[in-house]
Amino acid sequence: MSKTVSNIRDNVIAHVDLVSSAEALQAYPVPEEWICGFANDLFAPKSKDFVDAFTKEELLDVCEYYGRLCAVSDKINGHKSVSVNEVLKIPEWRSLMKFAKDLSVRLKSG
C-alpha cells in the first residue's frame, strides 16, 4: 500500500473515530466542520488512491457512511446555529455514531 493510500485510509478512520465519539466531538464546536471535513476533504470515490485504500466491502461501507453523514447534514443545515449537544440529540446522528463505531472496528481490522 502506497503512502498516499495509507494516509487516505488513516484519515478516513480518524474521521470515523471522531464522529463515533461524543467526547471527541466536543473539541470541534462547529458541527459543520465534521461534515465538511469528510465530504469536501476526504471522500473522493472517483480517485484511484481513495478506492485502493479500501476493500470492496469497506468502500461500500464508507459510501454508506457518507450518505448517512449527508442525511444528518440536511437536518443540521436547517438551523443557523446548532450546538454539539443539540446535534447529539438528533436520532439520525445517534444512528450515524453507532454506524461509525462499527465501521471503525471493521476498518481497523482490515
Protein backbone atom coordinates (compact mmCIF):
# COMPACT_ATOMS: atom_id res chain seq x y z
CA MET A 1 0.00 0.00 0.00
CA SER A 2 1.47 3.36 -1.02
CA LYS A 3 1.96 6.15 1.49
CA THR A 4 -0.81 8.18 -0.17
CA VAL A 5 -3.27 5.28 0.01
CA SER A 6 -2.27 4.57 3.60
CA ASN A 7 -2.76 8.24 4.53
CA ILE A 8 -6.21 8.28 2.94
CA ARG A 9 -7.23 5.19 4.89
CA ASP A 10 -5.80 6.56 8.14
CA ASN A 11 -7.56 9.92 7.66
CA VAL A 12 -10.91 8.27 6.95
CA ILE A 13 -10.53 6.07 10.04
CA ALA A 14 -9.65 9.14 12.13
CA HIS A 15 -12.78 10.92 10.92
CA VAL A 16 -14.96 7.89 11.58
CA ASP A 17 -13.48 7.67 15.08
CA LEU A 18 -14.23 11.36 15.67
CA VAL A 19 -17.86 11.00 14.64
CA SER A 20 -18.29 7.88 16.77
CA SER A 21 -17.30 9.69 19.98
CA ALA A 22 -19.46 12.31 21.70
CA GLU A 23 -16.46 13.28 23.81
CA ALA A 24 -14.18 13.81 20.81
CA LEU A 25 -16.83 15.89 19.05
CA GLN A 26 -16.83 18.37 21.92
CA ALA A 27 -13.39 19.53 20.71
CA TYR A 28 -14.98 20.67 17.44
CA PRO A 29 -17.78 23.03 18.44
CA VAL A 30 -18.91 23.72 14.86
CA PRO A 31 -20.82 20.64 13.63
CA GLU A 32 -20.48 21.68 10.00
CA GLU A 33 -16.72 21.07 10.33
CA TRP A 34 -17.37 17.38 10.95
CA ILE A 35 -19.39 17.05 7.81
CA CYS A 36 -17.39 19.30 5.50
CA GLY A 37 -14.15 17.76 6.71
CA PHE A 38 -15.24 14.44 5.33
CA ALA A 39 -17.38 15.44 2.36
CA ASN A 40 -15.02 18.08 0.98
CA ASP A 41 -11.59 16.88 2.07
CA LEU A 42 -11.66 13.09 2.40
CA PHE A 43 -14.44 11.45 0.40
CA ALA A 44 -13.22 11.01 -3.17
CA PRO A 45 -14.82 7.87 -4.62
CA LYS A 46 -13.61 8.70 -8.14
CA SER A 47 -9.98 8.81 -7.02
CA LYS A 48 -7.99 5.65 -7.68
CA ASP A 49 -6.00 6.17 -4.49
CA PHE A 50 -9.19 6.51 -2.46
CA VAL A 51 -10.67 3.36 -3.98
CA ASP A 52 -7.40 1.47 -3.48
CA ALA A 53 -7.40 2.37 0.23
CA PHE A 54 -10.31 0.02 0.91
CA THR A 55 -11.61 -3.42 0.06
CA LYS A 56 -14.81 -3.53 -1.97
CA GLU A 57 -16.90 -4.15 1.16
CA GLU A 58 -15.14 -1.38 3.08
CA LEU A 59 -15.65 1.03 0.21
CA LEU A 60 -19.38 0.28 0.22
CA ASP A 61 -19.44 0.91 3.98
CA VAL A 62 -17.54 4.20 3.58
CA CYS A 63 -20.04 5.26 0.90
CA GLU A 64 -22.91 4.41 3.25
CA TYR A 65 -21.18 6.45 5.97
CA TYR A 66 -21.01 9.39 3.55
CA GLY A 67 -24.70 9.03 2.75
CA ARG A 68 -25.66 8.96 6.41
CA LEU A 69 -23.45 12.00 7.05
CA CYS A 70 -25.20 13.87 4.23
CA ALA A 71 -28.63 12.95 5.61
CA VAL A 72 -27.70 14.37 9.01
CA SER A 73 -26.23 17.43 7.31
CA ASP A 74 -29.67 18.15 5.85
CA LYS A 75 -31.10 18.11 9.38
CA ILE A 76 -28.39 20.41 10.74
CA ASN A 77 -28.40 22.89 7.84
CA GLY A 78 -31.92 23.98 8.67
CA HIS A 79 -30.58 25.69 11.79
CA LYS A 80 -28.46 28.83 11.80
CA SER A 81 -26.51 27.86 14.88
CA VAL A 82 -26.60 24.42 16.36
CA SER A 83 -24.55 23.21 19.31
CA VAL A 84 -22.77 19.92 19.68
CA ASN A 85 -25.28 18.87 22.33
CA GLU A 86 -28.19 19.64 20.02
CA VAL A 87 -26.63 17.58 17.23
CA LEU A 88 -26.08 14.67 19.60
CA LYS A 89 -29.84 14.61 20.27
CA ILE A 90 -30.76 14.12 16.61
CA PRO A 91 -31.83 10.48 16.15
CA GLU A 92 -30.11 10.23 12.75
CA TRP A 93 -26.87 11.49 14.31
CA ARG A 94 -27.05 8.90 17.08
CA SER A 95 -27.60 6.24 14.42
CA LEU A 96 -24.62 7.59 12.49
CA MET A 97 -22.47 7.42 15.63
CA LYS A 98 -23.32 3.75 16.11
CA PHE A 99 -22.64 3.02 12.46
CA ALA A 100 -19.31 4.87 12.76
CA LYS A 101 -18.31 2.82 15.83
CA ASP A 102 -18.98 -0.40 13.96
CA LEU A 103 -17.29 0.88 10.81
CA SER A 104 -14.20 1.87 12.74
CA VAL A 105 -13.82 -1.65 14.07
CA ARG A 106 -14.21 -3.12 10.58
CA LEU A 107 -11.73 -0.69 9.02
CA LYS A 108 -9.13 -1.20 11.75
CA SER A 109 -9.36 -4.98 11.43
CA GLY A 110 -8.92 -4.85 7.64
